[in-house]
Amino acid sequence: MLSDEFVIRSEFYEYMKKSDERFERLLQELKAFREDTNRRFETVDKRFEEVYHRFDKMDRDFNDLKDWVGIVVGGFQIRAGQNLEDAVAGTLRIALGREVKPENIMMRKKITDDKGLIGPEGRSYEIDLCVTDTESLIFEIKSYAEEEDIERFNDKAELAIRKLGLKQVEKALITLEKRPSVVELCDRFGILVG
C-alpha cells in the first residue's frame, strides 16, 4: 500500500536523474540555438557592411563622375561661350537682315525692377541687347514662343528701356515657329519677328 502512494527512494533518484538529463539537453539546445543565432547575426552584419561599402563606393564613383561632367561641361561652356556672341550676331544678321557685330552684344544683362513696374519689387530679369552708337536692339531667341512669352519679353524690354535710358530702341523676337497668333501679338507690341 505504501509503495502505491509514495515513491521509493531509488525511483525518486531515477526520476531526478532523468529530469537532470532533460534539463541538460535543454540547456545544450539553448546554447546551440544562441550560437547559431550569433553566427547568423554576424553574417547579416557582414552583409550590411558589404552593402554599406558598395553604396559608399557608388557615392564616391558618382561624385567622381559629377566632377568629371563638371569639367567637361565647364570646358564646353567656355568654348561655347566664346562663340555664342558670334552665333547670336549671325542669327540676328540673318533673321533681321542687318549688320550686327559680336562686340555690340550683351547676353543675359541683369535688370532689377526696383519699383515693381512689371513684377514684384526688387526682382531681377535677364535681357539680351545689341547696342551701337546709333541704336539699341533688345532681343529674345526662342525655338517656340507662346503668347505669354511674348508679353513677358515686352515687359522686360520696356523695363530695360526705362532703366537703361535707351534711345532708338527696337525689340525683336527670333523664333523658329512664326505662328499667325505670335506674329499678330508681336505686331501689337511693336516687336520685330525674325
Protein backbone atom coordinates (compact mmCIF):
# COMPACT_ATOMS: atom_id res chain seq x y z
CA MET A 1 0.00 0.00 0.00
CA LEU A 2 2.77 2.41 0.78
CA SER A 3 4.53 1.73 -2.45
CA ASP A 4 1.44 2.78 -4.40
CA GLU A 5 1.19 6.07 -2.57
CA PHE A 6 4.81 7.01 -2.05
CA VAL A 7 7.74 6.93 -4.36
CA ILE A 8 10.58 4.92 -3.04
CA ARG A 9 13.95 6.48 -2.81
CA SER A 10 15.55 4.70 -5.77
CA GLU A 11 12.69 5.70 -8.09
CA PHE A 12 12.94 9.29 -6.92
CA TYR A 13 16.65 9.37 -7.73
CA GLU A 14 15.97 7.81 -11.12
CA TYR A 15 13.28 10.42 -11.82
CA MET A 16 15.57 13.28 -10.81
CA LYS A 17 18.41 11.87 -12.88
CA LYS A 18 16.18 11.78 -15.97
CA SER A 19 14.96 15.33 -15.23
CA ASP A 20 18.55 16.49 -14.91
CA GLU A 21 19.38 14.83 -18.23
CA ARG A 22 16.37 16.52 -19.88
CA PHE A 23 17.34 19.84 -18.35
CA GLU A 24 20.93 19.40 -19.50
CA ARG A 25 19.74 18.58 -23.04
CA LEU A 26 17.51 21.64 -22.98
CA LEU A 27 20.44 23.80 -21.89
CA GLN A 28 22.61 22.33 -24.66
CA GLU A 29 19.91 23.02 -27.24
CA LEU A 30 19.50 26.56 -25.96
CA LYS A 31 23.26 27.10 -26.11
CA ALA A 32 23.40 25.73 -29.69
CA PHE A 33 20.46 27.95 -30.67
CA ARG A 34 22.20 31.01 -29.20
CA GLU A 35 25.46 30.18 -31.02
CA ASP A 36 23.57 29.68 -34.30
CA THR A 37 21.73 32.99 -33.82
CA ASN A 38 25.00 34.79 -33.10
CA ARG A 39 26.53 33.31 -36.27
CA ARG A 40 23.53 34.47 -38.29
CA PHE A 41 23.75 37.98 -36.83
CA GLU A 42 27.46 38.09 -37.65
CA THR A 43 26.66 37.03 -41.23
CA VAL A 44 23.96 39.72 -41.50
CA ASP A 45 26.36 42.31 -40.04
CA LYS A 46 28.96 41.35 -42.65
CA ARG A 47 26.38 41.67 -45.42
CA PHE A 48 25.29 45.08 -44.16
CA GLU A 49 28.91 46.14 -44.02
CA GLU A 50 29.44 44.96 -47.61
CA VAL A 51 26.31 46.81 -48.78
CA TYR A 52 27.46 49.94 -46.93
CA HIS A 53 30.86 49.76 -48.63
CA ARG A 54 29.21 49.25 -52.03
CA PHE A 55 26.97 52.28 -51.51
CA ASP A 56 29.93 54.30 -50.28
CA LYS A 57 31.91 53.30 -53.38
CA MET A 58 28.93 54.13 -55.62
CA ASP A 59 28.66 57.54 -53.92
CA ARG A 60 32.37 58.19 -54.48
CA ASP A 61 32.06 57.00 -58.11
CA PHE A 62 29.03 59.26 -58.59
CA ASN A 63 30.91 62.23 -57.14
CA ASP A 64 33.89 61.47 -59.39
CA LEU A 65 31.54 61.26 -62.37
CA LYS A 66 29.85 64.50 -61.35
CA ASP A 67 33.26 66.21 -61.10
CA TRP A 68 34.25 64.82 -64.50
CA VAL A 69 30.98 66.01 -66.07
CA GLY A 70 31.50 69.42 -64.47
CA ILE A 71 34.95 69.67 -66.00
CA VAL A 72 33.78 68.51 -69.44
CA VAL A 73 30.63 70.64 -69.45
CA GLY A 74 32.52 73.59 -67.99
CA GLY A 75 35.04 73.31 -70.80
CA PHE A 76 32.22 73.05 -73.29
CA GLN A 77 30.56 76.13 -71.80
CA ILE A 78 33.78 78.11 -72.09
CA ARG A 79 34.23 77.07 -75.73
CA ALA A 80 30.53 77.64 -76.45
CA GLY A 81 30.55 80.97 -74.62
CA GLN A 82 33.44 82.21 -76.73
CA ASN A 83 31.44 81.57 -79.88
CA LEU A 84 27.99 82.41 -78.54
CA GLU A 85 28.10 86.10 -79.40
CA ASP A 86 29.26 85.26 -82.93
CA ALA A 87 26.41 82.78 -83.32
CA VAL A 88 23.85 85.26 -81.97
CA ALA A 89 25.19 88.03 -84.18
CA GLY A 90 24.92 85.73 -87.19
CA THR A 91 21.38 84.76 -86.19
CA LEU A 92 20.36 88.41 -85.89
CA ARG A 93 22.02 89.27 -89.21
CA ILE A 94 20.10 86.53 -90.99
CA ALA A 95 16.80 86.97 -89.14
CA LEU A 96 16.66 90.75 -89.28
CA GLY A 97 18.71 91.40 -92.39
CA ARG A 98 21.02 93.92 -90.72
CA GLU A 99 24.69 94.11 -89.78
CA VAL A 100 25.31 93.06 -86.19
CA LYS A 101 28.77 92.86 -84.65
CA PRO A 102 29.55 90.43 -81.84
CA GLU A 103 31.24 93.14 -79.75
CA ASN A 104 27.92 95.04 -79.55
CA ILE A 105 26.04 92.13 -77.99
CA MET A 106 25.36 91.81 -74.25
CA MET A 107 23.81 88.49 -73.30
CA ARG A 108 21.85 87.97 -70.09
CA LYS A 109 22.17 91.51 -68.81
CA LYS A 110 20.51 91.79 -65.41
CA ILE A 111 17.88 94.47 -64.93
CA THR A 112 16.34 94.96 -61.47
CA ASP A 113 12.76 96.16 -61.18
CA ASP A 114 13.31 98.44 -58.19
CA LYS A 115 9.79 99.90 -58.27
CA GLY A 116 7.83 96.78 -59.16
CA LEU A 117 6.81 98.07 -62.59
CA ILE A 118 6.41 94.64 -64.21
CA GLY A 119 6.51 92.27 -61.25
CA PRO A 120 7.46 92.08 -57.59
CA GLU A 121 9.58 94.97 -56.38
CA GLY A 122 13.30 94.10 -56.40
CA ARG A 123 13.03 91.15 -58.79
CA SER A 124 15.79 90.82 -61.40
CA TYR A 125 15.27 89.92 -65.05
CA GLU A 126 17.67 88.98 -67.83
CA ILE A 127 17.64 90.60 -71.25
CA ASP A 128 19.76 90.31 -74.36
CA LEU A 129 20.92 93.54 -76.01
CA CYS A 130 22.70 94.71 -79.10
CA VAL A 131 23.77 98.32 -78.57
CA THR A 132 25.56 100.61 -81.02
CA ASP A 133 26.18 104.37 -81.03
CA THR A 134 23.01 104.99 -83.03
CA GLU A 135 20.51 102.34 -81.98
CA SER A 136 19.65 99.63 -79.46
CA LEU A 137 18.12 96.26 -80.13
CA ILE A 138 16.55 94.23 -77.32
CA PHE A 139 16.04 90.67 -78.50
CA GLU A 140 14.90 87.24 -77.41
CA ILE A 141 15.70 83.99 -79.19
CA LYS A 142 13.21 81.16 -78.62
CA SER A 143 12.70 77.96 -80.52
CA TYR A 144 8.99 78.14 -79.67
CA ALA A 145 7.19 81.22 -78.34
CA GLU A 146 3.76 81.36 -76.77
CA GLU A 147 1.68 84.48 -76.16
CA GLU A 148 2.78 84.62 -72.51
CA ASP A 149 6.46 84.53 -73.59
CA ILE A 150 5.87 87.50 -75.91
CA GLU A 151 4.08 89.52 -73.23
CA ARG A 152 6.84 88.76 -70.72
CA PHE A 153 9.54 89.72 -73.24
CA ASN A 154 7.77 93.00 -73.99
CA ASP A 155 7.51 93.81 -70.25
CA LYS A 156 11.23 93.13 -69.74
CA ALA A 157 12.13 95.18 -72.84
CA GLU A 158 10.07 98.16 -71.65
CA LEU A 159 11.69 97.93 -68.21
CA ALA A 160 15.16 97.87 -69.82
CA ILE A 161 14.32 100.91 -71.96
CA ARG A 162 13.32 102.89 -68.83
CA LYS A 163 16.12 101.62 -66.58
CA LEU A 164 18.94 101.99 -69.11
CA GLY A 165 17.66 105.15 -70.78
CA LEU A 166 17.91 103.54 -74.22
CA LYS A 167 17.09 105.60 -77.33
CA GLN A 168 16.22 104.45 -80.85
CA VAL A 169 15.17 101.04 -79.49
CA GLU A 170 13.80 98.11 -81.46
CA LYS A 171 12.53 94.89 -79.94
CA ALA A 172 12.99 91.62 -81.80
CA LEU A 173 11.84 88.05 -81.28
CA ILE A 174 13.74 85.39 -83.20
CA THR A 175 11.79 82.14 -83.31
CA LEU A 176 11.65 79.01 -85.41
CA GLU A 177 7.88 78.89 -85.44
CA LYS A 178 6.14 82.08 -86.59
CA ARG A 179 2.53 81.18 -85.96
CA PRO A 180 -0.02 83.85 -87.02
CA SER A 181 -1.04 84.48 -83.38
CA VAL A 182 2.61 85.08 -82.46
CA VAL A 183 3.16 87.50 -85.36
CA GLU A 184 -0.08 89.35 -84.57
CA LEU A 185 0.80 89.81 -80.90
CA CYS A 186 4.35 90.91 -81.75
CA ASP A 187 2.90 93.49 -84.17
CA ARG A 188 0.68 94.87 -81.38
CA PHE A 189 3.72 95.32 -79.13
CA GLY A 190 5.96 96.67 -81.91
CA ILE A 191 8.23 93.61 -81.81
CA LEU A 192 10.04 92.56 -84.99
CA VAL A 193 9.73 88.85 -85.73
CA GLY A 194 12.63 87.06 -87.35
